[in-house]
Amino acid sequence: MKYENEHVIFWFEGDYLFATYKDEVLTEAIARSVVSFRREITKGKAYPCLVFANTVFKISKDARDFFSSDEGVAGLTAGALVIDS
């Protein structure tokens, strides 16, 4: 089952959470929306998460800071970001 909003698609495979972004530019507002949505669908359970960011061209400094904050990583046991270089 996939969970989708305007910025991200999440899905589970076993005990792992996966995500792919829809936006080419990630702002702090988008980062906050993504984290809020993730916390909503995980219902308080912590998961390792693999994020595919192949379509993302820019992540703002504010978004990066938020994603790495205590609030941004809450509910994650591990995280990895896949990008094109």
PDB file of N, CA and C in Angstrom:
ATOM      1  N   MET A   1       0.844  -1.186   0.000  1.00  0.00           N
ATOM      2  CA  MET A   1       0.000   0.000   0.000  1.00  0.00           C
ATOM      3  C   MET A   1       0.887   1.246   0.000  1.00  0.00           C
ATOM      4  N   LYS A   2       0.498   2.213  -0.815  1.00  0.00           N
ATOM      5  CA  LYS A   2       1.241   3.467  -0.887  1.00  0.00           C
ATOM      6  C   LYS A   2       0.450   4.578  -0.213  1.00  0.00           C
ATOM      7  N   TYR A   3       1.195   5.487   0.407  1.00  0.00           N
ATOM      8  CA  TYR A   3       0.631   6.659   1.071  1.00  0.00           C
ATOM      9  C   TYR A   3       1.202   7.878   0.354  1.00  0.00           C
ATOM     10  N   GLU A   4       0.333   8.738  -0.117  1.00  0.00           N
ATOM     11  CA  GLU A   4       0.783   9.815  -0.982  1.00  0.00           C
ATOM     12  C   GLU A   4       0.151  11.144  -0.588  1.00  0.00           C
ATOM     13  N   ASN A   5       0.966  12.206  -0.645  1.00  0.00           N
ATOM     14  CA  ASN A   5       0.427  13.559  -0.549  1.00  0.00           C
ATOM     15  C   ASN A   5       1.033  14.371  -1.689  1.00  0.00           C
ATOM     16  N   GLU A   6       0.928  15.669  -1.638  1.00  0.00           N
ATOM     17  CA  GLU A   6       1.381  16.496  -2.760  1.00  0.00           C
ATOM     18  C   GLU A   6       2.899  16.525  -2.935  1.00  0.00           C
ATOM     19  N   HIS A   7       3.664  16.080  -1.918  1.00  0.00           N
ATOM     20  CA  HIS A   7       5.123  16.187  -1.967  1.00  0.00           C
ATOM     21  C   HIS A   7       5.873  14.859  -1.979  1.00  0.00           C
ATOM     22  N   VAL A   8       5.241  13.790  -1.535  1.00  0.00           N
ATOM     23  CA  VAL A   8       5.986  12.549  -1.311  1.00  0.00           C
ATOM     24  C   VAL A   8       5.067  11.332  -1.444  1.00  0.00           C
ATOM     25  N   ILE A   9       5.677  10.219  -1.792  1.00  0.00           N
ATOM     26  CA  ILE A   9       4.997   8.915  -1.775  1.00  0.00           C
ATOM     27  C   ILE A   9       5.779   8.030  -0.808  1.00  0.00           C
ATOM     28  N   PHE A  10       5.087   7.444   0.164  1.00  0.00           N
ATOM     29  CA  PHE A  10       5.684   6.498   1.110  1.00  0.00           C
ATOM     30  C   PHE A  10       5.103   5.114   0.865  1.00  0.00           C
ATOM     31  N   TRP A  11       5.898   4.083   1.132  1.00  0.00           N
ATOM     32  CA  TRP A  11       5.398   2.721   1.132  1.00  0.00           C
ATOM     33  C   TRP A  11       6.277   1.880   2.049  1.00  0.00           C
ATOM     34  N   PHE A  12       5.717   0.769   2.496  1.00  0.00           N
ATOM     35  CA  PHE A  12       6.415  -0.156   3.381  1.00  0.00           C
ATOM     36  C   PHE A  12       6.758  -1.431   2.623  1.00  0.00           C
ATOM     37  N   GLU A  13       7.934  -1.942   2.905  1.00  0.00           N
ATOM     38  CA  GLU A  13       8.326  -3.280   2.456  1.00  0.00           C
ATOM     39  C   GLU A  13       8.901  -3.962   3.686  1.00  0.00           C
ATOM     40  N   GLY A  14       8.138  -4.896   4.221  1.00  0.00           N
ATOM     41  CA  GLY A  14       8.537  -5.529   5.473  1.00  0.00           C
ATOM     42  C   GLY A  14       8.594  -4.489   6.578  1.00  0.00           C
ATOM     43  N   ASP A  15       9.713  -4.447   7.276  1.00  0.00           N
ATOM     44  CA  ASP A  15       9.894  -3.492   8.369  1.00  0.00           C
ATOM     45  C   ASP A  15      10.647  -2.239   7.928  1.00  0.00           C
ATOM     46  N   TYR A  16      10.628  -1.954   6.641  1.00  0.00           N
ATOM     47  CA  TYR A  16      11.331  -0.791   6.098  1.00  0.00           C
ATOM     48  C   TYR A  16      10.344   0.178   5.466  1.00  0.00           C
ATOM     49  N   LEU A  17      10.635   1.456   5.614  1.00  0.00           N
ATOM     50  CA  LEU A  17       9.847   2.522   5.014  1.00  0.00           C
ATOM     51  C   LEU A  17      10.639   3.099   3.843  1.00  0.00           C
ATOM     52  N   PHE A  18       9.964   3.290   2.726  1.00  0.00           N
ATOM     53  CA  PHE A  18      10.582   3.867   1.538  1.00  0.00           C
ATOM     54  C   PHE A  18       9.818   5.121   1.156  1.00  0.00           C
ATOM     55  N   ALA A  19      10.514   6.028   0.482  1.00  0.00           N
ATOM     56  CA  ALA A  19       9.865   7.271   0.054  1.00  0.00           C
ATOM     57  C   ALA A  19      10.481   7.747  -1.245  1.00  0.00           C
ATOM     58  N   THR A  20       9.686   8.475  -2.004  1.00  0.00           N
ATOM     59  CA  THR A  20      10.191   9.181  -3.171  1.00  0.00           C
ATOM     60  C   THR A  20       9.545  10.556  -3.207  1.00  0.00           C
ATOM     61  N   TYR A  21      10.360  11.549  -3.486  1.00  0.00           N
ATOM     62  CA  TYR A  21       9.863  12.923  -3.520  1.00  0.00           C
ATOM     63  C   TYR A  21       9.262  13.245  -4.882  1.00  0.00           C
ATOM     64  N   LYS A  22       8.280  14.131  -4.889  1.00  0.00           N
ATOM     65  CA  LYS A  22       7.653  14.595  -6.121  1.00  0.00           C
ATOM     66  C   LYS A  22       8.213  15.936  -6.573  1.00  0.00           C
ATOM     67  N   ASP A  23       8.796  16.693  -5.652  1.00  0.00           N
ATOM     68  CA  ASP A  23       9.258  18.052  -5.943  1.00  0.00           C
ATOM     69  C   ASP A  23      10.707  18.054  -6.424  1.00  0.00           C
ATOM     70  N   GLU A  24      11.040  19.044  -7.244  1.00  0.00           N
ATOM     71  CA  GLU A  24      12.417  19.234  -7.687  1.00  0.00           C
ATOM     72  C   GLU A  24      13.210  20.078  -6.695  1.00  0.00           C
ATOM     73  N   VAL A  25      12.521  20.919  -5.935  1.00  0.00           N
ATOM     74  CA  VAL A  25      13.148  21.766  -4.921  1.00  0.00           C
ATOM     75  C   VAL A  25      12.444  21.517  -3.595  1.00  0.00           C
ATOM     76  N   LEU A  26      13.229  21.216  -2.556  1.00  0.00           N
ATOM     77  CA  LEU A  26      12.656  20.981  -1.227  1.00  0.00           C
ATOM     78  C   LEU A  26      12.945  22.186  -0.343  1.00  0.00           C
ATOM     79  N   THR A  27      11.885  22.794   0.144  1.00  0.00           N
ATOM     80  CA  THR A  27      11.981  23.929   1.067  1.00  0.00           C
ATOM     81  C   THR A  27      11.720  23.432   2.482  1.00  0.00           C
ATOM     82  N   GLU A  28      11.906  24.318   3.449  1.00  0.00           N
ATOM     83  CA  GLU A  28      11.606  23.934   4.833  1.00  0.00           C
ATOM     84  C   GLU A  28      10.123  23.598   4.995  1.00  0.00           C
ATOM     85  N   ALA A  29       9.258  24.336   4.344  1.00  0.00           N
ATOM     86  CA  ALA A  29       7.817  24.059   4.444  1.00  0.00           C
ATOM     87  C   ALA A  29       7.497  22.663   3.902  1.00  0.00           C
ATOM     88  N   ILE A  30       8.112  22.291   2.791  1.00  0.00           N
ATOM     89  CA  ILE A  30       7.904  20.948   2.238  1.00  0.00           C
ATOM     90  C   ILE A  30       8.482  19.903   3.178  1.00  0.00           C
ATOM     91  N   ALA A  31       9.658  20.156   3.717  1.00  0.00           N
ATOM     92  CA  ALA A  31      10.280  19.224   4.663  1.00  0.00           C
ATOM     93  C   ALA A  31       9.369  18.991   5.867  1.00  0.00           C
ATOM     94  N   ARG A  32       8.803  20.053   6.404  1.00  0.00           N
ATOM     95  CA  ARG A  32       7.896  19.920   7.549  1.00  0.00           C
ATOM     96  C   ARG A  32       6.651  19.120   7.164  1.00  0.00           C
ATOM     97  N   SER A  33       6.124  19.343   5.977  1.00  0.00           N
ATOM     98  CA  SER A  33       4.957  18.603   5.507  1.00  0.00           C
ATOM     99  C   SER A  33       5.275  17.111   5.362  1.00  0.00           C
ATOM    100  N   VAL A  34       6.433  16.807   4.793  1.00  0.00           N
ATOM    101  CA  VAL A  34       6.849  15.419   4.595  1.00  0.00           C
ATOM    102  C   VAL A  34       7.011  14.706   5.938  1.00  0.00           C
ATOM    103  N   VAL A  35       7.685  15.344   6.882  1.00  0.00           N
ATOM    104  CA  VAL A  35       7.904  14.728   8.197  1.00  0.00           C
ATOM    105  C   VAL A  35       6.579  14.544   8.934  1.00  0.00           C
ATOM    106  N   SER A  36       5.706  15.521   8.875  1.00  0.00           N
ATOM    107  CA  SER A  36       4.396  15.407   9.515  1.00  0.00           C
ATOM    108  C   SER A  36       3.604  14.240   8.920  1.00  0.00           C
ATOM    109  N   PHE A  37       3.624  14.119   7.600  1.00  0.00           N
ATOM    110  CA  PHE A  37       2.916  13.027   6.922  1.00  0.00           C
ATOM    111  C   PHE A  37       3.531  11.679   7.289  1.00  0.00           C
ATOM    112  N   ARG A  38       4.868  11.615   7.332  1.00  0.00           N
ATOM    113  CA  ARG A  38       5.542  10.371   7.725  1.00  0.00           C
ATOM    114  C   ARG A  38       5.130   9.951   9.124  1.00  0.00           C
ATOM    115  N   ARG A  39       5.117  10.892  10.043  1.00  0.00           N
ATOM    116  CA  ARG A  39       4.753  10.565  11.424  1.00  0.00           C
ATOM    117  C   ARG A  39       3.293  10.126  11.526  1.00  0.00           C
ATOM    118  N   GLU A  40       2.448  10.693  10.688  1.00  0.00           N
ATOM    119  CA  GLU A  40       1.037  10.310  10.664  1.00  0.00           C
ATOM    120  C   GLU A  40       0.872   8.860  10.201  1.00  0.00           C
ATOM    121  N   ILE A  41       1.567   8.472   9.145  1.00  0.00           N
ATOM    122  CA  ILE A  41       1.368   7.113   8.616  1.00  0.00           C
ATOM    123  C   ILE A  41       2.102   6.045   9.419  1.00  0.00           C
ATOM    124  N   THR A  42       3.168   6.413  10.136  1.00  0.00           N
ATOM    125  CA  THR A  42       3.893   5.417  10.934  1.00  0.00           C
ATOM    126  C   THR A  42       3.288   5.231  12.321  1.00  0.00           C
ATOM    127  N   LYS A  43       2.380   6.100  12.706  1.00  0.00           N
ATOM    128  CA  LYS A  43       1.627   5.965  13.956  1.00  0.00           C
ATOM    129  C   LYS A  43       2.513   5.721  15.183  1.00  0.00           C
ATOM    130  N   GLY A  44       3.622   6.460  15.262  1.00  0.00           N
ATOM    131  CA  GLY A  44       4.472   6.386  16.445  1.00  0.00           C
ATOM    132  C   GLY A  44       5.498   5.274  16.437  1.00  0.00           C
ATOM    133  N   LYS A  45       5.472   4.402  15.445  1.00  0.00           N
ATOM    134  CA  LYS A  45       6.463   3.325  15.368  1.00  0.00           C
ATOM    135  C   LYS A  45       7.679   3.833  14.590  1.00  0.00           C
ATOM    136  N   ALA A  46       8.871   3.469  15.028  1.00  0.00           N
ATOM    137  CA  ALA A  46      10.107   3.898  14.375  1.00  0.00           C
ATOM    138  C   ALA A  46      10.525   2.891  13.299  1.00  0.00           C
ATOM    139  N   TYR A  47      10.991   3.409  12.175  1.00  0.00           N
ATOM    140  CA  TYR A  47      11.409   2.590  11.042  1.00  0.00           C
ATOM    141  C   TYR A  47      12.714   3.117  10.459  1.00  0.00           C
ATOM    142  N   PRO A  48      13.494   2.231   9.834  1.00  0.00           N
ATOM    143  CA  PRO A  48      14.556   2.714   8.965  1.00  0.00           C
ATOM    144  C   PRO A  48      13.905   3.172   7.659  1.00  0.00           C
ATOM    145  N   CYS A  49      14.452   4.207   7.039  1.00  0.00           N
ATOM    146  CA  CYS A  49      13.819   4.781   5.855  1.00  0.00           C
ATOM    147  C   CYS A  49      14.840   5.012   4.752  1.00  0.00           C
ATOM    148  N   LEU A  50      14.491   4.585   3.545  1.00  0.00           N
ATOM    149  CA  LEU A  50      15.296   4.829   2.355  1.00  0.00           C
ATOM    150  C   LEU A  50      14.512   5.779   1.464  1.00  0.00           C
ATOM    151  N   VAL A  51      15.111   6.925   1.169  1.00  0.00           N
ATOM    152  CA  VAL A  51      14.438   7.973   0.397  1.00  0.00           C
ATOM    153  C   VAL A  51      15.098   8.104  -0.974  1.00  0.00           C
ATOM    154  N   PHE A  52      14.274   7.997  -2.012  1.00  0.00           N
ATOM    155  CA  PHE A  52      14.747   8.207  -3.377  1.00  0.00           C
ATOM    156  C   PHE A  52      14.507   9.667  -3.744  1.00  0.00           C
ATOM    157  N   ALA A  53      15.591  10.391  -3.940  1.00  0.00           N
ATOM    158  CA  ALA A  53      15.503  11.819  -4.244  1.00  0.00           C
ATOM    159  C   ALA A  53      16.084  12.097  -5.635  1.00  0.00           C
ATOM    160  N   ASN A  54      15.887  11.162  -6.547  1.00  0.00           N
ATOM    161  CA  ASN A  54      16.469  11.258  -7.882  1.00  0.00           C
ATOM    162  C   ASN A  54      15.968  12.460  -8.676  1.00  0.00           C
ATOM    163  N   THR A  55      14.773  12.931  -8.387  1.00  0.00           N
ATOM    164  CA  THR A  55      14.206  14.060  -9.134  1.00  0.00           C
ATOM    165  C   THR A  55      14.474  15.392  -8.443  1.00  0.00           C
ATOM    166  N   VAL A  56      15.080  15.362  -7.271  1.00  0.00           N
ATOM    167  CA  VAL A  56      15.328  16.597  -6.509  1.00  0.00           C
ATOM    168  C   VAL A  56      16.619  17.249  -7.003  1.00  0.00           C
ATOM    169  N   PHE A  57      16.527  18.540  -7.332  1.00  0.00           N
ATOM    170  CA  PHE A  57      17.690  19.291  -7.791  1.00  0.00           C
ATOM    171  C   PHE A  57      18.267  20.176  -6.700  1.00  0.00           C
ATOM    172  N   LYS A  58      17.438  20.548  -5.721  1.00  0.00           N
ATOM    173  CA  LYS A  58      17.922  21.427  -4.658  1.00  0.00           C
ATOM    174  C   LYS A  58      17.157  21.147  -3.368  1.00  0.00           C
ATOM    175  N   ILE A  59      17.899  21.099  -2.271  1.00  0.00           N
ATOM    176  CA  ILE A  59      17.316  21.040  -0.931  1.00  0.00           C
ATOM    177  C   ILE A  59      17.842  22.263  -0.201  1.00  0.00           C
ATOM    178  N   SER A  60      16.948  23.158   0.194  1.00  0.00           N
ATOM    179  CA  SER A  60      17.379  24.407   0.825  1.00  0.00           C
ATOM    180  C   SER A  60      18.106  24.122   2.140  1.00  0.00           C
ATOM    181  N   LYS A  61      18.929  25.050   2.550  1.00  0.00           N
ATOM    182  CA  LYS A  61      19.659  24.920   3.823  1.00  0.00           C
ATOM    183  C   LYS A  61      18.687  24.753   4.976  1.00  0.00           C
ATOM    184  N   ASP A  62      17.595  25.520   4.976  1.00  0.00           N
ATOM    185  CA  ASP A  62      16.592  25.398   6.044  1.00  0.00           C
ATOM    186  C   ASP A  62      15.952  24.015   6.041  1.00  0.00           C
ATOM    187  N   ALA A  63      15.694  23.452   4.861  1.00  0.00           N
ATOM    188  CA  ALA A  63      15.118  22.108   4.769  1.00  0.00           C
ATOM    189  C   ALA A  63      16.118  21.077   5.288  1.00  0.00           C
ATOM    190  N   ARG A  64      17.378  21.195   4.894  1.00  0.00           N
ATOM    191  CA  ARG A  64      18.407  20.257   5.383  1.00  0.00           C
ATOM    192  C   ARG A  64      18.539  20.327   6.896  1.00  0.00           C
ATOM    193  N   ASP A  65      18.530  21.544   7.428  1.00  0.00           N
ATOM    194  CA  ASP A  65      18.614  21.707   8.884  1.00  0.00           C
ATOM    195  C   ASP A  65      17.422  21.064   9.580  1.00  0.00           C
ATOM    196  N   PHE A  66      16.228  21.250   9.020  1.00  0.00           N
ATOM    197  CA  PHE A  66      15.045  20.655   9.641  1.00  0.00           C
ATOM    198  C   PHE A  66      15.098  19.131   9.564  1.00  0.00           C
ATOM    199  N   PHE A  67      15.422  18.584   8.382  1.00  0.00           N
ATOM    200  CA  PHE A  67      15.488  17.125   8.240  1.00  0.00           C
ATOM    201  C   PHE A  67      16.480  16.502   9.221  1.00  0.00           C
ATOM    202  N   SER A  68      17.538  17.220   9.579  1.00  0.00           N
ATOM    203  CA  SER A  68      18.541  16.661  10.496  1.00  0.00           C
ATOM    204  C   SER A  68      18.292  17.018  11.959  1.00  0.00           C
ATOM    205  N   SER A  69      17.237  17.771  12.234  1.00  0.00           N
ATOM    206  CA  SER A  69      16.919  18.158  13.618  1.00  0.00           C
ATOM    207  C   SER A  69      16.277  16.993  14.366  1.00  0.00           C
ATOM    208  N   ASP A  70      16.160  17.140  15.681  1.00  0.00           N
ATOM    209  CA  ASP A  70      15.491  16.115  16.493  1.00  0.00           C
ATOM    210  C   ASP A  70      14.072  15.864  15.990  1.00  0.00           C
ATOM    211  N   GLU A  71      13.373  16.922  15.652  1.00  0.00           N
ATOM    212  CA  GLU A  71      12.000  16.781  15.140  1.00  0.00           C
ATOM    213  C   GLU A  71      11.992  16.070  13.785  1.00  0.00           C
ATOM    214  N   GLY A  72      12.956  16.373  12.946  1.00  0.00           N
ATOM    215  CA  GLY A  72      13.011  15.787  11.607  1.00  0.00           C
ATOM    216  C   GLY A  72      13.339  14.311  11.595  1.00  0.00           C
ATOM    217  N   VAL A  73      14.125  13.849  12.559  1.00  0.00           N
ATOM    218  CA  VAL A  73      14.521  12.431  12.594  1.00  0.00           C
ATOM    219  C   VAL A  73      13.686  11.610  13.578  1.00  0.00           C
ATOM    220  N   ALA A  74      12.767  12.246  14.284  1.00  0.00           N
ATOM    221  CA  ALA A  74      11.921  11.505  15.230  1.00  0.00           C
ATOM    222  C   ALA A  74      11.174  10.402  14.479  1.00  0.00           C
ATOM    223  N   GLY A  75      11.221   9.211  15.025  1.00  0.00           N
ATOM    224  CA  GLY A  75      10.526   8.083  14.409  1.00  0.00           C
ATOM    225  C   GLY A  75      11.340   7.358  13.361  1.00  0.00           C
ATOM    226  N   LEU A  76      12.629   7.689  13.238  1.00  0.00           N
ATOM    227  CA  LEU A  76      13.508   6.984  12.311  1.00  0.00           C
ATOM    228  C   LEU A  76      14.593   6.265  13.097  1.00  0.00           C
ATOM    229  N   THR A  77      14.840   5.018  12.730  1.00  0.00           N
ATOM    230  CA  THR A  77      15.952   4.292  13.338  1.00  0.00           C
ATOM    231  C   THR A  77      17.201   4.411  12.480  1.00  0.00           C
ATOM    232  N   ALA A  78      17.020   4.729  11.203  1.00  0.00           N
ATOM    233  CA  ALA A  78      18.125   4.948  10.263  1.00  0.00           C
ATOM    234  C   ALA A  78      17.532   5.634   9.049  1.00  0.00           C
ATOM    235  N   GLY A  79      18.387   6.287   8.294  1.00  0.00           N
ATOM    236  CA  GLY A  79      17.914   6.942   7.089  1.00  0.00           C
ATOM    237  C   GLY A  79      19.009   7.009   6.043  1.00  0.00           C
ATOM    238  N   ALA A  80      18.607   6.909   4.778  1.00  0.00           N
ATOM    239  CA  ALA A  80      19.548   7.039   3.665  1.00  0.00           C
ATOM    240  C   ALA A  80      18.836   7.742   2.532  1.00  0.00           C
ATOM    241  N   LEU A  81      19.600   8.491   1.760  1.00  0.00           N
ATOM    242  CA  LEU A  81      19.077   9.275   0.657  1.00  0.00           C
ATOM    243  C   LEU A  81      19.776   8.833  -0.627  1.00  0.00           C
ATOM    244  N   VAL A  82      18.996   8.419  -1.616  1.00  0.00           N
ATOM    245  CA  VAL A  82      19.531   8.014  -2.907  1.00  0.00           C
ATOM    246  C   VAL A  82      19.344   9.163  -3.881  1.00  0.00           C
ATOM    247  N   ILE A  83      20.454   9.603  -4.493  1.00  0.00           N
ATOM    248  CA  ILE A  83      20.390  10.718  -5.439  1.00  0.00           C
ATOM    249  C   ILE A  83      21.125  10.344  -6.724  1.00  0.00           C
ATOM    250  N   ASP A  84      20.856  11.103  -7.780  1.00  0.00           N
ATOM    251  CA  ASP A  84      21.664  11.006  -8.994  1.00  0.00           C
ATOM    252  C   ASP A  84      22.773  12.024  -8.869  1.00  0.00           C
ATOM    253  N   SER A  85      23.957  11.674  -9.329  1.00  0.00           N
ATOM    254  CA  SER A  85      25.044  12.652  -9.244  1.00  0.00           C
ATOM    255  C   SER A  85      25.503  13.056 -10.629  1.00  0.00           C
TER     256      SER A  85
END
